[in-house]
All heavy atoms as atom14 arrays in JSON, in Angstrom:
{
  "sequence": "SGAVVPNATVVITNTGTNEKRTGTTNASGDYNFTLLPVGHYSIS",
  "atom14_mask": [
    [1, 1, 1, 1, 1, 1, 0, 0, 0, 0, 0, 0, 0, 0],
    [1, 1, 1, 1, 0, 0, 0, 0, 0, 0, 0, 0, 0, 0],
    [1, 1, 1, 1, 1, 0, 0, 0, 0, 0, 0, 0, 0, 0],
    [1, 1, 1, 1, 1, 1, 1, 0, 0, 0, 0, 0, 0, 0],
    [1, 1, 1, 1, 1, 1, 1, 0, 0, 0, 0, 0, 0, 0],
    [1, 1, 1, 1, 1, 1, 1, 0, 0, 0, 0, 0, 0, 0],
    [1, 1, 1, 1, 1, 1, 1, 1, 0, 0, 0, 0, 0, 0],
    [1, 1, 1, 1, 1, 0, 0, 0, 0, 0, 0, 0, 0, 0],
    [1, 1, 1, 1, 1, 1, 1, 0, 0, 0, 0, 0, 0, 0],
    [1, 1, 1, 1, 1, 1, 1, 0, 0, 0, 0, 0, 0, 0],
    [1, 1, 1, 1, 1, 1, 1, 0, 0, 0, 0, 0, 0, 0],
    [1, 1, 1, 1, 1, 1, 1, 1, 0, 0, 0, 0, 0, 0],
    [1, 1, 1, 1, 1, 1, 1, 0, 0, 0, 0, 0, 0, 0],
    [1, 1, 1, 1, 1, 1, 1, 1, 0, 0, 0, 0, 0, 0],
    [1, 1, 1, 1, 1, 1, 1, 0, 0, 0, 0, 0, 0, 0],
    [1, 1, 1, 1, 0, 0, 0, 0, 0, 0, 0, 0, 0, 0],
    [1, 1, 1, 1, 1, 1, 1, 0, 0, 0, 0, 0, 0, 0],
    [1, 1, 1, 1, 1, 1, 1, 1, 0, 0, 0, 0, 0, 0],
    [1, 1, 1, 1, 1, 1, 1, 1, 1, 0, 0, 0, 0, 0],
    [1, 1, 1, 1, 1, 1, 1, 1, 1, 0, 0, 0, 0, 0],
    [1, 1, 1, 1, 1, 1, 1, 1, 1, 1, 1, 0, 0, 0],
    [1, 1, 1, 1, 1, 1, 1, 0, 0, 0, 0, 0, 0, 0],
    [1, 1, 1, 1, 0, 0, 0, 0, 0, 0, 0, 0, 0, 0],
    [1, 1, 1, 1, 1, 1, 1, 0, 0, 0, 0, 0, 0, 0],
    [1, 1, 1, 1, 1, 1, 1, 0, 0, 0, 0, 0, 0, 0],
    [1, 1, 1, 1, 1, 1, 1, 1, 0, 0, 0, 0, 0, 0],
    [1, 1, 1, 1, 1, 0, 0, 0, 0, 0, 0, 0, 0, 0],
    [1, 1, 1, 1, 1, 1, 0, 0, 0, 0, 0, 0, 0, 0],
    [1, 1, 1, 1, 0, 0, 0, 0, 0, 0, 0, 0, 0, 0],
    [1, 1, 1, 1, 1, 1, 1, 1, 0, 0, 0, 0, 0, 0],
    [1, 1, 1, 1, 1, 1, 1, 1, 1, 1, 1, 1, 0, 0],
    [1, 1, 1, 1, 1, 1, 1, 1, 0, 0, 0, 0, 0, 0],
    [1, 1, 1, 1, 1, 1, 1, 1, 1, 1, 1, 0, 0, 0],
    [1, 1, 1, 1, 1, 1, 1, 0, 0, 0, 0, 0, 0, 0],
    [1, 1, 1, 1, 1, 1, 1, 1, 0, 0, 0, 0, 0, 0],
    [1, 1, 1, 1, 1, 1, 1, 1, 0, 0, 0, 0, 0, 0],
    [1, 1, 1, 1, 1, 1, 1, 0, 0, 0, 0, 0, 0, 0],
    [1, 1, 1, 1, 1, 1, 1, 0, 0, 0, 0, 0, 0, 0],
    [1, 1, 1, 1, 0, 0, 0, 0, 0, 0, 0, 0, 0, 0],
    [1, 1, 1, 1, 1, 1, 1, 1, 1, 1, 0, 0, 0, 0],
    [1, 1, 1, 1, 1, 1, 1, 1, 1, 1, 1, 1, 0, 0],
    [1, 1, 1, 1, 1, 1, 0, 0, 0, 0, 0, 0, 0, 0],
    [1, 1, 1, 1, 1, 1, 1, 1, 0, 0, 0, 0, 0, 0],
    [1, 1, 1, 1, 1, 1, 0, 0, 0, 0, 0, 0, 0, 0]
  ],
  "atom14_positions": [
    [[96.3, 132.15, 157.93], [97.66, 131.6, 157.44], [98.49, 131.07, 158.46], [99.62, 130.69, 158.08], [98.28, 132.85, 156.89], [98.57, 133.88, 157.75], [0.0, 0.0, 0.0], [0.0, 0.0, 0.0], [0.0, 0.0, 0.0], [0.0, 0.0, 0.0], [0.0, 0.0, 0.0], [0.0, 0.0, 0.0], [0.0, 0.0, 0.0], [0.0, 0.0, 0.0]],
    [[98.04, 131.07, 159.75], [98.9, 130.64, 160.81], [99.71, 131.75, 161.52], [100.49, 131.56, 162.51], [0.0, 0.0, 0.0], [0.0, 0.0, 0.0], [0.0, 0.0, 0.0], [0.0, 0.0, 0.0], [0.0, 0.0, 0.0], [0.0, 0.0, 0.0], [0.0, 0.0, 0.0], [0.0, 0.0, 0.0], [0.0, 0.0, 0.0], [0.0, 0.0, 0.0]],
    [[99.68, 132.9, 161.07], [100.32, 134.04, 161.76], [99.67, 134.41, 163.05], [98.39, 134.28, 163.14], [100.37, 135.27, 160.84], [0.0, 0.0, 0.0], [0.0, 0.0, 0.0], [0.0, 0.0, 0.0], [0.0, 0.0, 0.0], [0.0, 0.0, 0.0], [0.0, 0.0, 0.0], [0.0, 0.0, 0.0], [0.0, 0.0, 0.0], [0.0, 0.0, 0.0]],
    [[100.29, 134.82, 164.06], [99.63, 135.05, 165.43], [98.94, 136.46, 165.36], [99.26, 137.29, 164.52], [100.78, 135.23, 166.57], [101.46, 133.86, 166.65], [101.78, 136.27, 166.23], [0.0, 0.0, 0.0], [0.0, 0.0, 0.0], [0.0, 0.0, 0.0], [0.0, 0.0, 0.0], [0.0, 0.0, 0.0], [0.0, 0.0, 0.0], [0.0, 0.0, 0.0]],
    [[97.84, 136.6, 166.21], [97.12, 137.76, 166.28], [97.26, 138.37, 167.68], [96.77, 137.87, 168.7], [95.63, 137.43, 165.99], [94.75, 138.65, 166.08], [95.47, 136.65, 164.67], [0.0, 0.0, 0.0], [0.0, 0.0, 0.0], [0.0, 0.0, 0.0], [0.0, 0.0, 0.0], [0.0, 0.0, 0.0], [0.0, 0.0, 0.0], [0.0, 0.0, 0.0]],
    [[98.04, 139.4, 167.66], [98.28, 140.18, 169.05], [97.02, 141.07, 169.32], [96.32, 141.35, 168.45], [99.54, 140.85, 168.85], [99.49, 141.17, 167.39], [98.92, 140.05, 166.67], [0.0, 0.0, 0.0], [0.0, 0.0, 0.0], [0.0, 0.0, 0.0], [0.0, 0.0, 0.0], [0.0, 0.0, 0.0], [0.0, 0.0, 0.0], [0.0, 0.0, 0.0]],
    [[96.89, 141.36, 170.55], [95.96, 142.38, 171.07], [94.46, 141.96, 170.74], [93.6, 142.75, 170.54], [96.2, 143.75, 170.39], [97.49, 144.26, 170.81], [97.94, 144.24, 172.02], [98.26, 144.88, 169.91], [0.0, 0.0, 0.0], [0.0, 0.0, 0.0], [0.0, 0.0, 0.0], [0.0, 0.0, 0.0], [0.0, 0.0, 0.0], [0.0, 0.0, 0.0]],
    [[94.24, 140.62, 170.59], [92.85, 140.11, 170.5], [92.23, 140.11, 171.87], [92.86, 139.71, 172.87], [92.89, 138.72, 169.89], [0.0, 0.0, 0.0], [0.0, 0.0, 0.0], [0.0, 0.0, 0.0], [0.0, 0.0, 0.0], [0.0, 0.0, 0.0], [0.0, 0.0, 0.0], [0.0, 0.0, 0.0], [0.0, 0.0, 0.0], [0.0, 0.0, 0.0]],
    [[90.89, 140.38, 171.97], [90.16, 140.43, 173.18], [89.63, 139.02, 173.5], [88.94, 138.53, 172.68], [89.04, 141.41, 173.14], [89.63, 142.67, 172.99], [88.38, 141.45, 174.5], [0.0, 0.0, 0.0], [0.0, 0.0, 0.0], [0.0, 0.0, 0.0], [0.0, 0.0, 0.0], [0.0, 0.0, 0.0], [0.0, 0.0, 0.0], [0.0, 0.0, 0.0]],
    [[89.99, 138.44, 174.66], [89.58, 137.15, 175.08], [88.67, 137.19, 176.28], [89.2, 137.93, 177.29], [90.81, 136.21, 175.28], [90.14, 134.71, 175.61], [91.65, 136.13, 174.12], [0.0, 0.0, 0.0], [0.0, 0.0, 0.0], [0.0, 0.0, 0.0], [0.0, 0.0, 0.0], [0.0, 0.0, 0.0], [0.0, 0.0, 0.0], [0.0, 0.0, 0.0]],
    [[87.54, 136.59, 176.17], [86.59, 136.71, 177.48], [86.13, 135.26, 177.66], [85.76, 134.56, 176.82], [85.28, 137.52, 177.2], [84.52, 137.53, 178.32], [85.77, 138.97, 176.85], [0.0, 0.0, 0.0], [0.0, 0.0, 0.0], [0.0, 0.0, 0.0], [0.0, 0.0, 0.0], [0.0, 0.0, 0.0], [0.0, 0.0, 0.0], [0.0, 0.0, 0.0]],
    [[86.5, 134.86, 178.94], [86.14, 133.59, 179.4], [84.9, 133.65, 180.37], [84.97, 134.55, 181.15], [87.13, 132.59, 179.88], [87.62, 133.28, 181.22], [88.32, 132.44, 178.93], [88.59, 132.36, 181.92], [0.0, 0.0, 0.0], [0.0, 0.0, 0.0], [0.0, 0.0, 0.0], [0.0, 0.0, 0.0], [0.0, 0.0, 0.0], [0.0, 0.0, 0.0]],
    [[83.8, 132.87, 180.33], [82.78, 132.95, 181.18], [82.42, 131.51, 181.86], [82.33, 130.53, 181.13], [81.48, 133.42, 180.28], [81.76, 134.64, 179.7], [80.24, 133.52, 181.27], [0.0, 0.0, 0.0], [0.0, 0.0, 0.0], [0.0, 0.0, 0.0], [0.0, 0.0, 0.0], [0.0, 0.0, 0.0], [0.0, 0.0, 0.0], [0.0, 0.0, 0.0]],
    [[82.35, 131.47, 183.04], [81.99, 130.27, 183.87], [80.45, 130.15, 183.55], [79.57, 130.95, 183.92], [82.17, 130.32, 185.25], [81.86, 129.28, 186.06], [80.82, 128.51, 185.84], [82.81, 128.78, 186.94], [0.0, 0.0, 0.0], [0.0, 0.0, 0.0], [0.0, 0.0, 0.0], [0.0, 0.0, 0.0], [0.0, 0.0, 0.0], [0.0, 0.0, 0.0]],
    [[80.07, 129.11, 182.86], [78.61, 128.91, 182.43], [77.73, 128.62, 183.65], [76.44, 128.76, 183.57], [78.52, 127.81, 181.42], [79.1, 126.62, 182.04], [79.29, 128.1, 180.18], [0.0, 0.0, 0.0], [0.0, 0.0, 0.0], [0.0, 0.0, 0.0], [0.0, 0.0, 0.0], [0.0, 0.0, 0.0], [0.0, 0.0, 0.0], [0.0, 0.0, 0.0]],
    [[78.35, 128.24, 184.77], [77.46, 127.94, 186.02], [77.2, 129.2, 186.81], [76.04, 129.21, 187.24], [0.0, 0.0, 0.0], [0.0, 0.0, 0.0], [0.0, 0.0, 0.0], [0.0, 0.0, 0.0], [0.0, 0.0, 0.0], [0.0, 0.0, 0.0], [0.0, 0.0, 0.0], [0.0, 0.0, 0.0], [0.0, 0.0, 0.0], [0.0, 0.0, 0.0]],
    [[78.2, 130.0, 186.89], [77.97, 131.23, 187.79], [77.94, 132.51, 186.96], [77.68, 133.61, 187.66], [78.99, 131.27, 188.82], [80.33, 131.44, 188.22], [79.12, 130.03, 189.7], [0.0, 0.0, 0.0], [0.0, 0.0, 0.0], [0.0, 0.0, 0.0], [0.0, 0.0, 0.0], [0.0, 0.0, 0.0], [0.0, 0.0, 0.0], [0.0, 0.0, 0.0]],
    [[78.28, 132.43, 185.67], [78.2, 133.61, 184.87], [79.34, 134.63, 185.23], [79.47, 135.79, 184.91], [76.98, 134.49, 184.9], [76.79, 135.2, 183.6], [77.16, 134.89, 182.54], [76.1, 136.35, 183.7], [0.0, 0.0, 0.0], [0.0, 0.0, 0.0], [0.0, 0.0, 0.0], [0.0, 0.0, 0.0], [0.0, 0.0, 0.0], [0.0, 0.0, 0.0]],
    [[80.45, 134.1, 185.96], [81.63, 134.86, 186.25], [82.44, 135.02, 184.92], [82.67, 134.03, 184.27], [82.46, 134.18, 187.22], [83.72, 134.95, 187.67], [84.57, 134.19, 188.64], [84.13, 133.1, 189.05], [85.73, 134.63, 188.99], [0.0, 0.0, 0.0], [0.0, 0.0, 0.0], [0.0, 0.0, 0.0], [0.0, 0.0, 0.0], [0.0, 0.0, 0.0]],
    [[82.87, 136.33, 184.68], [83.65, 136.56, 183.41], [85.07, 136.97, 183.8], [85.2, 137.73, 184.85], [83.0, 137.64, 182.55], [81.57, 137.16, 182.14], [80.98, 138.33, 181.37], [79.48, 137.95, 180.94], [79.45, 136.92, 179.98], [0.0, 0.0, 0.0], [0.0, 0.0, 0.0], [0.0, 0.0, 0.0], [0.0, 0.0, 0.0], [0.0, 0.0, 0.0]],
    [[86.04, 136.72, 182.94], [87.31, 137.21, 183.06], [87.71, 137.66, 181.64], [87.47, 136.95, 180.58], [88.35, 136.36, 183.62], [88.18, 135.94, 185.05], [89.43, 135.28, 185.55], [89.02, 134.71, 186.89], [90.05, 133.93, 187.5], [91.36, 133.73, 187.02], [89.79, 133.42, 188.74], [0.0, 0.0, 0.0], [0.0, 0.0, 0.0], [0.0, 0.0, 0.0]],
    [[88.34, 138.82, 181.61], [88.8, 139.47, 180.22], [90.27, 139.61, 180.2], [90.84, 140.09, 181.11], [88.04, 140.76, 180.09], [86.65, 140.6, 180.13], [88.32, 141.32, 178.7], [0.0, 0.0, 0.0], [0.0, 0.0, 0.0], [0.0, 0.0, 0.0], [0.0, 0.0, 0.0], [0.0, 0.0, 0.0], [0.0, 0.0, 0.0], [0.0, 0.0, 0.0]],
    [[90.76, 139.37, 179.04], [92.32, 139.53, 178.7], [92.53, 139.87, 177.33], [91.6, 139.72, 176.52], [0.0, 0.0, 0.0], [0.0, 0.0, 0.0], [0.0, 0.0, 0.0], [0.0, 0.0, 0.0], [0.0, 0.0, 0.0], [0.0, 0.0, 0.0], [0.0, 0.0, 0.0], [0.0, 0.0, 0.0], [0.0, 0.0, 0.0], [0.0, 0.0, 0.0]],
    [[93.84, 140.0, 177.03], [94.14, 140.25, 175.64], [95.39, 139.4, 175.32], [96.25, 139.02, 176.15], [94.5, 141.7, 175.34], [95.61, 142.09, 176.26], [93.47, 142.61, 175.5], [0.0, 0.0, 0.0], [0.0, 0.0, 0.0], [0.0, 0.0, 0.0], [0.0, 0.0, 0.0], [0.0, 0.0, 0.0], [0.0, 0.0, 0.0], [0.0, 0.0, 0.0]],
    [[95.54, 138.97, 174.01], [96.61, 138.21, 173.67], [98.0, 139.17, 173.59], [97.83, 140.38, 173.33], [96.48, 137.6, 172.18], [96.22, 138.67, 171.27], [95.26, 136.6, 172.24], [0.0, 0.0, 0.0], [0.0, 0.0, 0.0], [0.0, 0.0, 0.0], [0.0, 0.0, 0.0], [0.0, 0.0, 0.0], [0.0, 0.0, 0.0], [0.0, 0.0, 0.0]],
    [[99.11, 138.49, 173.94], [100.28, 139.27, 173.93], [100.96, 139.35, 172.33], [100.21, 138.94, 171.46], [101.29, 138.74, 174.87], [101.7, 137.22, 174.58], [101.47, 136.74, 173.5], [102.21, 136.52, 175.51], [0.0, 0.0, 0.0], [0.0, 0.0, 0.0], [0.0, 0.0, 0.0], [0.0, 0.0, 0.0], [0.0, 0.0, 0.0], [0.0, 0.0, 0.0]],
    [[102.14, 139.75, 172.4], [102.79, 139.89, 171.04], [102.95, 138.68, 170.32], [103.12, 138.65, 169.05], [104.09, 140.71, 171.22], [0.0, 0.0, 0.0], [0.0, 0.0, 0.0], [0.0, 0.0, 0.0], [0.0, 0.0, 0.0], [0.0, 0.0, 0.0], [0.0, 0.0, 0.0], [0.0, 0.0, 0.0], [0.0, 0.0, 0.0], [0.0, 0.0, 0.0]],
    [[102.95, 137.55, 171.1], [103.01, 136.29, 170.46], [101.8, 135.57, 170.17], [101.58, 134.36, 169.74], [103.91, 135.29, 171.35], [105.17, 135.75, 171.57], [0.0, 0.0, 0.0], [0.0, 0.0, 0.0], [0.0, 0.0, 0.0], [0.0, 0.0, 0.0], [0.0, 0.0, 0.0], [0.0, 0.0, 0.0], [0.0, 0.0, 0.0], [0.0, 0.0, 0.0]],
    [[100.6, 136.3, 170.39], [99.35, 135.79, 170.23], [98.74, 134.89, 171.21], [97.85, 134.14, 171.04], [0.0, 0.0, 0.0], [0.0, 0.0, 0.0], [0.0, 0.0, 0.0], [0.0, 0.0, 0.0], [0.0, 0.0, 0.0], [0.0, 0.0, 0.0], [0.0, 0.0, 0.0], [0.0, 0.0, 0.0], [0.0, 0.0, 0.0], [0.0, 0.0, 0.0]],
    [[99.47, 134.79, 172.38], [99.11, 134.02, 173.54], [98.21, 134.53, 174.55], [98.38, 135.81, 174.84], [100.41, 133.43, 174.21], [101.3, 132.56, 173.29], [100.82, 131.77, 172.51], [102.56, 132.77, 173.37], [0.0, 0.0, 0.0], [0.0, 0.0, 0.0], [0.0, 0.0, 0.0], [0.0, 0.0, 0.0], [0.0, 0.0, 0.0], [0.0, 0.0, 0.0]],
    [[97.35, 133.83, 175.16], [96.53, 134.35, 176.27], [96.55, 133.11, 177.38], [96.83, 131.96, 177.14], [95.03, 134.58, 175.94], [94.21, 133.32, 175.51], [93.56, 132.63, 176.47], [94.21, 132.81, 174.09], [92.81, 131.51, 176.21], [93.4, 131.68, 174.0], [92.75, 131.04, 174.94], [91.96, 129.9, 174.59], [0.0, 0.0, 0.0], [0.0, 0.0, 0.0]],
    [[96.43, 133.65, 178.55], [96.45, 132.74, 179.74], [95.59, 133.1, 180.96], [95.7, 134.34, 181.34], [97.92, 132.59, 180.14], [98.1, 131.6, 181.22], [97.42, 130.8, 181.44], [99.25, 131.62, 181.86], [0.0, 0.0, 0.0], [0.0, 0.0, 0.0], [0.0, 0.0, 0.0], [0.0, 0.0, 0.0], [0.0, 0.0, 0.0], [0.0, 0.0, 0.0]],
    [[94.76, 132.31, 181.4], [93.8, 132.61, 182.51], [94.17, 131.64, 183.59], [94.09, 130.36, 183.24], [92.38, 132.57, 182.13], [91.94, 133.76, 181.28], [91.94, 133.42, 179.93], [91.62, 134.91, 181.81], [91.62, 134.52, 178.97], [91.19, 136.02, 180.84], [91.22, 135.63, 179.41], [0.0, 0.0, 0.0], [0.0, 0.0, 0.0], [0.0, 0.0, 0.0]],
    [[94.42, 131.99, 184.78], [94.82, 131.1, 185.81], [93.97, 131.07, 186.96], [93.06, 132.02, 187.15], [96.36, 131.42, 186.37], [96.28, 132.72, 186.96], [97.3, 131.42, 185.24], [0.0, 0.0, 0.0], [0.0, 0.0, 0.0], [0.0, 0.0, 0.0], [0.0, 0.0, 0.0], [0.0, 0.0, 0.0], [0.0, 0.0, 0.0], [0.0, 0.0, 0.0]],
    [[94.19, 130.11, 187.9], [93.34, 129.99, 189.18], [91.84, 130.04, 188.81], [91.03, 130.68, 189.54], [93.71, 131.06, 190.12], [95.12, 131.03, 190.83], [95.41, 132.08, 191.68], [95.27, 129.62, 191.47], [0.0, 0.0, 0.0], [0.0, 0.0, 0.0], [0.0, 0.0, 0.0], [0.0, 0.0, 0.0], [0.0, 0.0, 0.0], [0.0, 0.0, 0.0]],
    [[91.43, 129.2, 187.88], [89.95, 129.19, 187.6], [89.31, 128.01, 188.35], [89.89, 126.83, 188.43], [89.64, 128.93, 186.05], [90.18, 129.95, 185.1], [90.26, 129.41, 183.74], [89.57, 131.27, 185.23], [0.0, 0.0, 0.0], [0.0, 0.0, 0.0], [0.0, 0.0, 0.0], [0.0, 0.0, 0.0], [0.0, 0.0, 0.0], [0.0, 0.0, 0.0]],
    [[88.09, 128.26, 188.93], [87.41, 127.18, 189.55], [87.12, 126.0, 188.5], [86.81, 126.37, 187.34], [86.12, 127.86, 190.13], [86.41, 129.24, 190.25], [87.39, 129.43, 188.99], [0.0, 0.0, 0.0], [0.0, 0.0, 0.0], [0.0, 0.0, 0.0], [0.0, 0.0, 0.0], [0.0, 0.0, 0.0], [0.0, 0.0, 0.0], [0.0, 0.0, 0.0]],
    [[87.12, 124.85, 188.9], [86.61, 123.83, 187.94], [85.29, 123.9, 187.51], [84.41, 124.5, 188.22], [86.92, 122.36, 188.6], [88.35, 122.11, 189.02], [85.99, 122.25, 189.76], [0.0, 0.0, 0.0], [0.0, 0.0, 0.0], [0.0, 0.0, 0.0], [0.0, 0.0, 0.0], [0.0, 0.0, 0.0], [0.0, 0.0, 0.0], [0.0, 0.0, 0.0]],
    [[85.0, 123.51, 186.33], [83.65, 123.55, 185.82], [83.73, 123.72, 184.26], [84.67, 123.18, 183.56], [0.0, 0.0, 0.0], [0.0, 0.0, 0.0], [0.0, 0.0, 0.0], [0.0, 0.0, 0.0], [0.0, 0.0, 0.0], [0.0, 0.0, 0.0], [0.0, 0.0, 0.0], [0.0, 0.0, 0.0], [0.0, 0.0, 0.0], [0.0, 0.0, 0.0]],
    [[82.61, 124.35, 183.76], [82.46, 124.5, 182.23], [82.62, 125.95, 181.88], [82.02, 126.84, 182.51], [81.15, 123.93, 181.87], [80.98, 122.47, 181.96], [81.34, 121.61, 181.03], [80.72, 121.8, 183.13], [81.0, 120.33, 181.38], [80.8, 120.42, 182.79], [0.0, 0.0, 0.0], [0.0, 0.0, 0.0], [0.0, 0.0, 0.0], [0.0, 0.0, 0.0]],
    [[83.36, 126.2, 180.76], [83.55, 127.66, 180.45], [83.29, 127.92, 178.93], [83.54, 127.01, 178.02], [85.06, 128.02, 180.66], [85.4, 128.15, 182.07], [85.73, 127.07, 182.91], [85.29, 129.42, 182.73], [85.98, 127.23, 184.21], [85.53, 129.62, 184.11], [85.95, 128.47, 184.91], [86.21, 128.59, 186.11], [0.0, 0.0, 0.0], [0.0, 0.0, 0.0]],
    [[82.82, 129.05, 178.65], [82.81, 129.47, 177.17], [83.96, 130.52, 176.94], [84.24, 131.25, 177.93], [81.36, 130.12, 176.85], [81.12, 131.21, 177.55], [0.0, 0.0, 0.0], [0.0, 0.0, 0.0], [0.0, 0.0, 0.0], [0.0, 0.0, 0.0], [0.0, 0.0, 0.0], [0.0, 0.0, 0.0], [0.0, 0.0, 0.0], [0.0, 0.0, 0.0]],
    [[84.35, 130.61, 175.75], [85.59, 131.41, 175.41], [85.24, 132.14, 174.13], [85.06, 131.51, 173.1], [86.84, 130.63, 175.3], [87.12, 129.75, 176.56], [88.08, 131.52, 175.1], [88.16, 128.65, 176.43], [0.0, 0.0, 0.0], [0.0, 0.0, 0.0], [0.0, 0.0, 0.0], [0.0, 0.0, 0.0], [0.0, 0.0, 0.0], [0.0, 0.0, 0.0]],
    [[85.21, 133.5, 174.23], [84.93, 134.25, 173.0], [86.26, 135.02, 172.63], [86.96, 135.57, 173.62], [83.79, 135.19, 173.23], [84.1, 136.16, 174.13], [0.0, 0.0, 0.0], [0.0, 0.0, 0.0], [0.0, 0.0, 0.0], [0.0, 0.0, 0.0], [0.0, 0.0, 0.0], [0.0, 0.0, 0.0], [0.0, 0.0, 0.0], [0.0, 0.0, 0.0]]
  ]
}
């Protein structure tokens, strides 16, 4: 419906090195991962 989803679990994975980072969305449904090495990522 377009409503934001807080507290969702977000996992990003560097497909080259299999490095993972985990976070959760805030009250506005936003997530943010910084200082990532360039490359290809999967996001669940």
